Amino acid sequence: MRFRLAACTLAATLAVAGIAIAQDKPPPIPPQNSMKLSAIIGTVEGRAGFLYLYSVEWNEDGYYDVIYFTDDKAKVEMKLDPVTGKAK
């Protein structure tokens, strides 16, 4: 019985340690000199034919992945520079 309890405790400790190690890496974030996301979205919304924004995600490679749809139902996928707000 004690062996079983010790084994469970060890397994739980290793699992928590694994989670702690995985969280040591900071999440990818935009650079300090980047534009506000609201300003970048504003440039997308101002594009001709813009209908609605579908998604915006920060990519670990250093840009925003933006997907939006136009009034003629076309899907547009863009990679936007966080500093300039322009398409890469």
PDB file of N, CA and C in Angstrom:
ATOM      1  N   MET A   1       0.816  -1.184   0.000  1.00  0.00           N
ATOM      2  CA  MET A   1       0.000   0.000   0.000  1.00  0.00           C
ATOM      3  C   MET A   1       0.869   1.260   0.000  1.00  0.00           C
ATOM      4  N   ARG A   2       1.939   1.261   0.832  1.00  0.00           N
ATOM      5  CA  ARG A   2       2.823   2.419   0.881  1.00  0.00           C
ATOM      6  C   ARG A   2       3.567   2.596  -0.445  1.00  0.00           C
ATOM      7  N   PHE A   3       3.932   1.478  -1.054  1.00  0.00           N
ATOM      8  CA  PHE A   3       4.624   1.547  -2.348  1.00  0.00           C
ATOM      9  C   PHE A   3       3.739   2.199  -3.392  1.00  0.00           C
ATOM     10  N   ARG A   4       2.462   1.818  -3.399  1.00  0.00           N
ATOM     11  CA  ARG A   4       1.509   2.362  -4.359  1.00  0.00           C
ATOM     12  C   ARG A   4       1.358   3.872  -4.148  1.00  0.00           C
ATOM     13  N   LEU A   5       1.261   4.314  -2.921  1.00  0.00           N
ATOM     14  CA  LEU A   5       1.135   5.734  -2.591  1.00  0.00           C
ATOM     15  C   LEU A   5       2.390   6.489  -3.012  1.00  0.00           C
ATOM     16  N   ALA A   6       3.549   5.902  -2.754  1.00  0.00           N
ATOM     17  CA  ALA A   6       4.807   6.540  -3.137  1.00  0.00           C
ATOM     18  C   ALA A   6       4.919   6.646  -4.656  1.00  0.00           C
ATOM     19  N   ALA A   7       4.499   5.619  -5.368  1.00  0.00           N
ATOM     20  CA  ALA A   7       4.551   5.633  -6.826  1.00  0.00           C
ATOM     21  C   ALA A   7       3.623   6.706  -7.388  1.00  0.00           C
ATOM     22  N   CYS A   8       2.434   6.829  -6.818  1.00  0.00           N
ATOM     23  CA  CYS A   8       1.478   7.856  -7.272  1.00  0.00           C
ATOM     24  C   CYS A   8       2.013   9.251  -6.999  1.00  0.00           C
ATOM     25  N   THR A   9       2.616   9.432  -5.841  1.00  0.00           N
ATOM     26  CA  THR A   9       3.190  10.730  -5.481  1.00  0.00           C
ATOM     27  C   THR A   9       4.328  11.088  -6.431  1.00  0.00           C
ATOM     28  N   LEU A  10       5.186  10.122  -6.718  1.00  0.00           N
ATOM     29  CA  LEU A  10       6.292  10.358  -7.641  1.00  0.00           C
ATOM     30  C   LEU A  10       5.773  10.711  -9.031  1.00  0.00           C
ATOM     31  N   ALA A  11       4.784   9.996  -9.503  1.00  0.00           N
ATOM     32  CA  ALA A  11       4.217  10.271 -10.829  1.00  0.00           C
ATOM     33  C   ALA A  11       3.616  11.663 -10.882  1.00  0.00           C
ATOM     34  N   ALA A  12       2.903  12.054  -9.845  1.00  0.00           N
ATOM     35  CA  ALA A  12       2.299  13.394  -9.799  1.00  0.00           C
ATOM     36  C   ALA A  12       3.372  14.473  -9.770  1.00  0.00           C
ATOM     37  N   THR A  13       4.434  14.250  -9.014  1.00  0.00           N
ATOM     38  CA  THR A  13       5.530  15.217  -8.924  1.00  0.00           C
ATOM     39  C   THR A  13       6.210  15.389 -10.272  1.00  0.00           C
ATOM     40  N   LEU A  14       6.460  14.296 -10.962  1.00  0.00           N
ATOM     41  CA  LEU A  14       7.092  14.377 -12.280  1.00  0.00           C
ATOM     42  C   LEU A  14       6.192  15.077 -13.286  1.00  0.00           C
ATOM     43  N   ALA A  15       4.897  14.846 -13.200  1.00  0.00           N
ATOM     44  CA  ALA A  15       3.957  15.502 -14.110  1.00  0.00           C
ATOM     45  C   ALA A  15       3.955  17.003 -13.877  1.00  0.00           C
ATOM     46  N   VAL A  16       3.932  17.424 -12.628  1.00  0.00           N
ATOM     47  CA  VAL A  16       3.961  18.854 -12.306  1.00  0.00           C
ATOM     48  C   VAL A  16       5.283  19.469 -12.735  1.00  0.00           C
ATOM     49  N   ALA A  17       6.374  18.767 -12.543  1.00  0.00           N
ATOM     50  CA  ALA A  17       7.683  19.268 -12.959  1.00  0.00           C
ATOM     51  C   ALA A  17       7.741  19.422 -14.471  1.00  0.00           C
ATOM     52  N   GLY A  18       7.148  18.505 -15.187  1.00  0.00           N
ATOM     53  CA  GLY A  18       7.111  18.612 -16.648  1.00  0.00           C
ATOM     54  C   GLY A  18       6.327  19.819 -17.102  1.00  0.00           C
ATOM     55  N   ILE A  19       5.226  20.106 -16.437  1.00  0.00           N
ATOM     56  CA  ILE A  19       4.432  21.286 -16.770  1.00  0.00           C
ATOM     57  C   ILE A  19       5.221  22.552 -16.460  1.00  0.00           C
ATOM     58  N   ALA A  20       5.924  22.581 -15.351  1.00  0.00           N
ATOM     59  CA  ALA A  20       6.706  23.749 -14.966  1.00  0.00           C
ATOM     60  C   ALA A  20       7.827  23.999 -15.967  1.00  0.00           C
ATOM     61  N   ILE A  21       8.463  22.944 -16.431  1.00  0.00           N
ATOM     62  CA  ILE A  21       9.526  23.093 -17.427  1.00  0.00           C
ATOM     63  C   ILE A  21       8.956  23.619 -18.735  1.00  0.00           C
ATOM     64  N   ALA A  22       7.812  23.141 -19.148  1.00  0.00           N
ATOM     65  CA  ALA A  22       7.200  23.587 -20.389  1.00  0.00           C
ATOM     66  C   ALA A  22       6.795  25.053 -20.317  1.00  0.00           C
ATOM     67  N   GLN A  23       6.492  25.567 -19.142  1.00  0.00           N
ATOM     68  CA  GLN A  23       6.056  26.949 -19.003  1.00  0.00           C
ATOM     69  C   GLN A  23       7.218  27.920 -18.848  1.00  0.00           C
ATOM     70  N   ASP A  24       8.446  27.443 -18.764  1.00  0.00           N
ATOM     71  CA  ASP A  24       9.596  28.325 -18.625  1.00  0.00           C
ATOM     72  C   ASP A  24       9.833  29.154 -19.874  1.00  0.00           C
ATOM     73  N   LYS A  25       9.468  28.658 -21.032  1.00  0.00           N
ATOM     74  CA  LYS A  25       9.653  29.376 -22.287  1.00  0.00           C
ATOM     75  C   LYS A  25       8.581  30.462 -22.387  1.00  0.00           C
ATOM     76  N   PRO A  26       8.988  31.727 -22.533  1.00  0.00           N
ATOM     77  CA  PRO A  26       7.986  32.791 -22.616  1.00  0.00           C
ATOM     78  C   PRO A  26       7.186  32.683 -23.917  1.00  0.00           C
ATOM     79  N   PRO A  27       5.935  33.089 -23.883  1.00  0.00           N
ATOM     80  CA  PRO A  27       5.132  33.020 -25.101  1.00  0.00           C
ATOM     81  C   PRO A  27       5.649  34.027 -26.119  1.00  0.00           C
ATOM     82  N   PRO A  28       5.495  33.726 -27.400  1.00  0.00           N
ATOM     83  CA  PRO A  28       5.946  34.671 -28.423  1.00  0.00           C
ATOM     84  C   PRO A  28       5.065  35.922 -28.388  1.00  0.00           C
ATOM     85  N   ILE A  29       5.697  37.080 -28.401  1.00  0.00           N
ATOM     86  CA  ILE A  29       4.951  38.332 -28.376  1.00  0.00           C
ATOM     87  C   ILE A  29       5.474  39.273 -29.455  1.00  0.00           C
ATOM     88  N   PRO A  30       4.664  40.227 -29.874  1.00  0.00           N
ATOM     89  CA  PRO A  30       5.134  41.217 -30.858  1.00  0.00           C
ATOM     90  C   PRO A  30       6.264  42.068 -30.268  1.00  0.00           C
ATOM     91  N   PRO A  31       7.095  42.654 -31.130  1.00  0.00           N
ATOM     92  CA  PRO A  31       8.198  43.482 -30.641  1.00  0.00           C
ATOM     93  C   PRO A  31       7.698  44.757 -29.961  1.00  0.00           C
ATOM     94  N   GLN A  32       8.571  45.380 -29.181  1.00  0.00           N
ATOM     95  CA  GLN A  32       8.229  46.594 -28.434  1.00  0.00           C
ATOM     96  C   GLN A  32       7.744  47.721 -29.346  1.00  0.00           C
ATOM     97  N   ASN A  33       8.328  47.860 -30.519  1.00  0.00           N
ATOM     98  CA  ASN A  33       8.004  48.976 -31.410  1.00  0.00           C
ATOM     99  C   ASN A  33       6.852  48.665 -32.370  1.00  0.00           C
ATOM    100  N   SER A  34       6.076  47.642 -32.100  1.00  0.00           N
ATOM    101  CA  SER A  34       4.989  47.280 -33.010  1.00  0.00           C
ATOM    102  C   SER A  34       3.788  48.212 -32.833  1.00  0.00           C
ATOM    103  N   MET A  35       2.976  48.274 -33.875  1.00  0.00           N
ATOM    104  CA  MET A  35       1.747  49.057 -33.835  1.00  0.00           C
ATOM    105  C   MET A  35       0.755  48.366 -32.907  1.00  0.00           C
ATOM    106  N   LYS A  36      -0.221  49.119 -32.429  1.00  0.00           N
ATOM    107  CA  LYS A  36      -1.298  48.503 -31.664  1.00  0.00           C
ATOM    108  C   LYS A  36      -2.101  47.619 -32.605  1.00  0.00           C
ATOM    109  N   LEU A  37      -2.565  46.498 -32.083  1.00  0.00           N
ATOM    110  CA  LEU A  37      -3.340  45.573 -32.900  1.00  0.00           C
ATOM    111  C   LEU A  37      -4.594  46.253 -33.444  1.00  0.00           C
ATOM    112  N   SER A  38      -5.208  47.128 -32.674  1.00  0.00           N
ATOM    113  CA  SER A  38      -6.408  47.824 -33.137  1.00  0.00           C
ATOM    114  C   SER A  38      -6.116  48.678 -34.369  1.00  0.00           C
ATOM    115  N   ALA A  39      -4.925  49.275 -34.429  1.00  0.00           N
ATOM    116  CA  ALA A  39      -4.546  50.074 -35.600  1.00  0.00           C
ATOM    117  C   ALA A  39      -4.323  49.177 -36.817  1.00  0.00           C
ATOM    118  N   ILE A  40      -3.712  48.026 -36.595  1.00  0.00           N
ATOM    119  CA  ILE A  40      -3.489  47.087 -37.705  1.00  0.00           C
ATOM    120  C   ILE A  40      -4.826  46.583 -38.236  1.00  0.00           C
ATOM    121  N   ILE A  41      -5.742  46.257 -37.342  1.00  0.00           N
ATOM    122  CA  ILE A  41      -7.066  45.800 -37.767  1.00  0.00           C
ATOM    123  C   ILE A  41      -7.790  46.916 -38.510  1.00  0.00           C
ATOM    124  N   GLY A  42      -7.598  48.158 -38.070  1.00  0.00           N
ATOM    125  CA  GLY A  42      -8.211  49.298 -38.756  1.00  0.00           C
ATOM    126  C   GLY A  42      -7.759  49.412 -40.205  1.00  0.00           C
ATOM    127  N   THR A  43      -6.476  49.111 -40.476  1.00  0.00           N
ATOM    128  CA  THR A  43      -5.998  49.159 -41.854  1.00  0.00           C
ATOM    129  C   THR A  43      -6.627  48.055 -42.697  1.00  0.00           C
ATOM    130  N   VAL A  44      -6.850  46.901 -42.081  1.00  0.00           N
ATOM    131  CA  VAL A  44      -7.498  45.791 -42.791  1.00  0.00           C
ATOM    132  C   VAL A  44      -8.951  46.155 -43.094  1.00  0.00           C
ATOM    133  N   GLU A  45      -9.635  46.708 -42.100  1.00  0.00           N
ATOM    134  CA  GLU A  45     -11.043  47.077 -42.282  1.00  0.00           C
ATOM    135  C   GLU A  45     -11.220  48.164 -43.332  1.00  0.00           C
ATOM    136  N   GLY A  46     -10.189  48.965 -43.555  1.00  0.00           N
ATOM    137  CA  GLY A  46     -10.256  50.028 -44.554  1.00  0.00           C
ATOM    138  C   GLY A  46      -9.984  49.567 -45.976  1.00  0.00           C
ATOM    139  N   ARG A  47      -9.659  48.317 -46.165  1.00  0.00           N
ATOM    140  CA  ARG A  47      -9.369  47.802 -47.521  1.00  0.00           C
ATOM    141  C   ARG A  47     -10.649  47.731 -48.349  1.00  0.00           C
ATOM    142  N   ALA A  48     -10.507  47.936 -49.644  1.00  0.00           N
ATOM    143  CA  ALA A  48     -11.654  47.908 -50.559  1.00  0.00           C
ATOM    144  C   ALA A  48     -12.352  46.558 -50.499  1.00  0.00           C
ATOM    145  N   GLY A  49     -13.656  46.567 -50.373  1.00  0.00           N
ATOM    146  CA  GLY A  49     -14.443  45.346 -50.389  1.00  0.00           C
ATOM    147  C   GLY A  49     -14.491  44.602 -49.074  1.00  0.00           C
ATOM    148  N   PHE A  50     -13.864  45.139 -48.024  1.00  0.00           N
ATOM    149  CA  PHE A  50     -13.842  44.451 -46.732  1.00  0.00           C
ATOM    150  C   PHE A  50     -15.271  44.220 -46.249  1.00  0.00           C
ATOM    151  N   LEU A  51     -15.551  42.969 -45.802  1.00  0.00           N
ATOM    152  CA  LEU A  51     -16.862  42.654 -45.253  1.00  0.00           C
ATOM    153  C   LEU A  51     -16.756  42.367 -43.752  1.00  0.00           C
ATOM    154  N   TYR A  52     -15.947  41.363 -43.373  1.00  0.00           N
ATOM    155  CA  TYR A  52     -15.764  41.081 -41.949  1.00  0.00           C
ATOM    156  C   TYR A  52     -14.444  40.369 -41.698  1.00  0.00           C
ATOM    157  N   LEU A  53     -13.950  40.588 -40.484  1.00  0.00           N
ATOM    158  CA  LEU A  53     -12.714  39.977 -40.032  1.00  0.00           C
ATOM    159  C   LEU A  53     -13.034  38.597 -39.483  1.00  0.00           C
ATOM    160  N   TYR A  54     -12.318  37.578 -39.950  1.00  0.00           N
ATOM    161  CA  TYR A  54     -12.547  36.208 -39.497  1.00  0.00           C
ATOM    162  C   TYR A  54     -11.619  35.837 -38.345  1.00  0.00           C
ATOM    163  N   SER A  55     -10.314  36.108 -38.498  1.00  0.00           N
ATOM    164  CA  SER A  55      -9.378  35.774 -37.417  1.00  0.00           C
ATOM    165  C   SER A  55      -8.093  36.580 -37.526  1.00  0.00           C
ATOM    166  N   VAL A  56      -7.466  36.767 -36.355  1.00  0.00           N
ATOM    167  CA  VAL A  56      -6.146  37.395 -36.256  1.00  0.00           C
ATOM    168  C   VAL A  56      -5.360  36.574 -35.252  1.00  0.00           C
ATOM    169  N   GLU A  57      -4.199  36.112 -35.646  1.00  0.00           N
ATOM    170  CA  GLU A  57      -3.349  35.319 -34.751  1.00  0.00           C
ATOM    171  C   GLU A  57      -1.913  35.795 -34.858  1.00  0.00           C
ATOM    172  N   TRP A  58      -1.221  35.800 -33.734  1.00  0.00           N
ATOM    173  CA  TRP A  58       0.205  36.113 -33.733  1.00  0.00           C
ATOM    174  C   TRP A  58       0.967  34.855 -34.106  1.00  0.00           C
ATOM    175  N   ASN A  59       1.822  34.946 -35.091  1.00  0.00           N
ATOM    176  CA  ASN A  59       2.619  33.821 -35.554  1.00  0.00           C
ATOM    177  C   ASN A  59       3.992  33.889 -34.902  1.00  0.00           C
ATOM    178  N   GLU A  60       4.517  32.759 -34.485  1.00  0.00           N
ATOM    179  CA  GLU A  60       5.835  32.712 -33.838  1.00  0.00           C
ATOM    180  C   GLU A  60       6.954  33.196 -34.750  1.00  0.00           C
ATOM    181  N   ASP A  61       6.698  33.274 -36.059  1.00  0.00           N
ATOM    182  CA  ASP A  61       7.710  33.750 -37.003  1.00  0.00           C
ATOM    183  C   ASP A  61       7.785  35.271 -37.045  1.00  0.00           C
ATOM    184  N   GLY A  62       6.915  35.966 -36.275  1.00  0.00           N
ATOM    185  CA  GLY A  62       7.039  37.415 -36.158  1.00  0.00           C
ATOM    186  C   GLY A  62       6.057  38.229 -36.976  1.00  0.00           C
ATOM    187  N   TYR A  63       4.904  37.713 -37.248  1.00  0.00           N
ATOM    188  CA  TYR A  63       3.893  38.486 -37.972  1.00  0.00           C
ATOM    189  C   TYR A  63       2.499  38.041 -37.561  1.00  0.00           C
ATOM    190  N   TYR A  64       1.505  38.858 -37.933  1.00  0.00           N
ATOM    191  CA  TYR A  64       0.112  38.504 -37.676  1.00  0.00           C
ATOM    192  C   TYR A  64      -0.455  37.767 -38.886  1.00  0.00           C
ATOM    193  N   ASP A  65      -1.116  36.657 -38.645  1.00  0.00           N
ATOM    194  CA  ASP A  65      -1.891  35.962 -39.672  1.00  0.00           C
ATOM    195  C   ASP A  65      -3.306  36.515 -39.591  1.00  0.00           C
ATOM    196  N   VAL A  66      -3.781  37.125 -40.672  1.00  0.00           N
ATOM    197  CA  VAL A  66      -5.102  37.734 -40.694  1.00  0.00           C
ATOM    198  C   VAL A  66      -5.926  37.075 -41.787  1.00  0.00           C
ATOM    199  N   ILE A  67      -7.147  36.732 -41.453  1.00  0.00           N
ATOM    200  CA  ILE A  67      -8.082  36.193 -42.440  1.00  0.00           C
ATOM    201  C   ILE A  67      -9.343  37.045 -42.385  1.00  0.00           C
ATOM    202  N   TYR A  68      -9.769  37.536 -43.553  1.00  0.00           N
ATOM    203  CA  TYR A  68     -11.013  38.279 -43.617  1.00  0.00           C
ATOM    204  C   TYR A  68     -11.744  37.926 -44.905  1.00  0.00           C
ATOM    205  N   PHE A  69     -12.993  38.332 -44.981  1.00  0.00           N
ATOM    206  CA  PHE A  69     -13.809  38.074 -46.160  1.00  0.00           C
ATOM    207  C   PHE A  69     -14.236  39.392 -46.792  1.00  0.00           C
ATOM    208  N   THR A  70     -14.379  39.382 -48.103  1.00  0.00           N
ATOM    209  CA  THR A  70     -14.803  40.573 -48.833  1.00  0.00           C
ATOM    210  C   THR A  70     -16.284  40.483 -49.156  1.00  0.00           C
ATOM    211  N   ASP A  71     -16.835  41.599 -49.659  1.00  0.00           N
ATOM    212  CA  ASP A  71     -18.265  41.637 -49.949  1.00  0.00           C
ATOM    213  C   ASP A  71     -18.672  40.715 -51.101  1.00  0.00           C
ATOM    214  N   ASP A  72     -17.705  40.251 -51.882  1.00  0.00           N
ATOM    215  CA  ASP A  72     -18.029  39.256 -52.919  1.00  0.00           C
ATOM    216  C   ASP A  72     -17.730  37.834 -52.432  1.00  0.00           C
ATOM    217  N   LYS A  73     -17.627  37.674 -51.111  1.00  0.00           N
ATOM    218  CA  LYS A  73     -17.456  36.392 -50.412  1.00  0.00           C
ATOM    219  C   LYS A  73     -16.098  35.725 -50.643  1.00  0.00           C
ATOM    220  N   ALA A  74     -15.103  36.509 -51.047  1.00  0.00           N
ATOM    221  CA  ALA A  74     -13.753  35.981 -51.225  1.00  0.00           C
ATOM    222  C   ALA A  74     -13.033  35.948 -49.879  1.00  0.00           C
ATOM    223  N   LYS A  75     -12.306  34.880 -49.638  1.00  0.00           N
ATOM    224  CA  LYS A  75     -11.514  34.741 -48.412  1.00  0.00           C
ATOM    225  C   LYS A  75     -10.121  35.292 -48.687  1.00  0.00           C
ATOM    226  N   VAL A  76      -9.653  36.197 -47.842  1.00  0.00           N
ATOM    227  CA  VAL A  76      -8.339  36.812 -48.009  1.00  0.00           C
ATOM    228  C   VAL A  76      -7.488  36.460 -46.793  1.00  0.00           C
ATOM    229  N   GLU A  77      -6.311  35.905 -47.056  1.00  0.00           N
ATOM    230  CA  GLU A  77      -5.364  35.573 -45.998  1.00  0.00           C
ATOM    231  C   GLU A  77      -4.135  36.445 -46.179  1.00  0.00           C
ATOM    232  N   MET A  78      -3.738  37.110 -45.091  1.00  0.00           N
ATOM    233  CA  MET A  78      -2.598  38.025 -45.159  1.00  0.00           C
ATOM    234  C   MET A  78      -1.637  37.753 -44.005  1.00  0.00           C
ATOM    235  N   LYS A  79      -0.392  38.096 -44.222  1.00  0.00           N
ATOM    236  CA  LYS A  79       0.622  38.090 -43.180  1.00  0.00           C
ATOM    237  C   LYS A  79       1.027  39.555 -43.017  1.00  0.00           C
ATOM    238  N   LEU A  80       0.764  40.125 -41.837  1.00  0.00           N
ATOM    239  CA  LEU A  80       1.036  41.546 -41.622  1.00  0.00           C
ATOM    240  C   LEU A  80       2.199  41.756 -40.673  1.00  0.00           C
ATOM    241  N   ASP A  81       3.064  42.683 -41.052  1.00  0.00           N
ATOM    242  CA  ASP A  81       4.203  43.058 -40.235  1.00  0.00           C
ATOM    243  C   ASP A  81       3.686  43.817 -39.012  1.00  0.00           C
ATOM    244  N   PRO A  82       4.110  43.454 -37.803  1.00  0.00           N
ATOM    245  CA  PRO A  82       3.597  44.122 -36.615  1.00  0.00           C
ATOM    246  C   PRO A  82       4.095  45.561 -36.435  1.00  0.00           C
ATOM    247  N   VAL A  83       5.214  45.910 -37.053  1.00  0.00           N
ATOM    248  CA  VAL A  83       5.775  47.251 -36.905  1.00  0.00           C
ATOM    249  C   VAL A  83       5.153  48.218 -37.902  1.00  0.00           C
ATOM    250  N   THR A  84       5.017  47.794 -39.153  1.00  0.00           N
ATOM    251  CA  THR A  84       4.510  48.685 -40.192  1.00  0.00           C
ATOM    252  C   THR A  84       3.027  48.481 -40.474  1.00  0.00           C
ATOM    253  N   GLY A  85       2.490  47.302 -40.163  1.00  0.00           N
ATOM    254  CA  GLY A  85       1.100  47.006 -40.472  1.00  0.00           C
ATOM    255  C   GLY A  85       0.893  46.625 -41.925  1.00  0.00           C
ATOM    256  N   LYS A  86       1.962  46.532 -42.683  1.00  0.00           N
ATOM    257  CA  LYS A  86       1.866  46.221 -44.117  1.00  0.00           C
ATOM    258  C   LYS A  86       2.025  44.734 -44.352  1.00  0.00           C
ATOM    259  N   ALA A  87       1.476  44.270 -45.480  1.00  0.00           N
ATOM    260  CA  ALA A  87       1.548  42.866 -45.842  1.00  0.00           C
ATOM    261  C   ALA A  87       2.989  42.462 -46.128  1.00  0.00           C
ATOM    262  N   LYS A  88       3.327  41.248 -45.689  1.00  0.00           N
ATOM    263  CA  LYS A  88       4.677  40.703 -45.944  1.00  0.00           C
ATOM    264  C   LYS A  88       4.650  39.918 -47.237  1.00  0.00           C
TER     265      LYS A  88
END
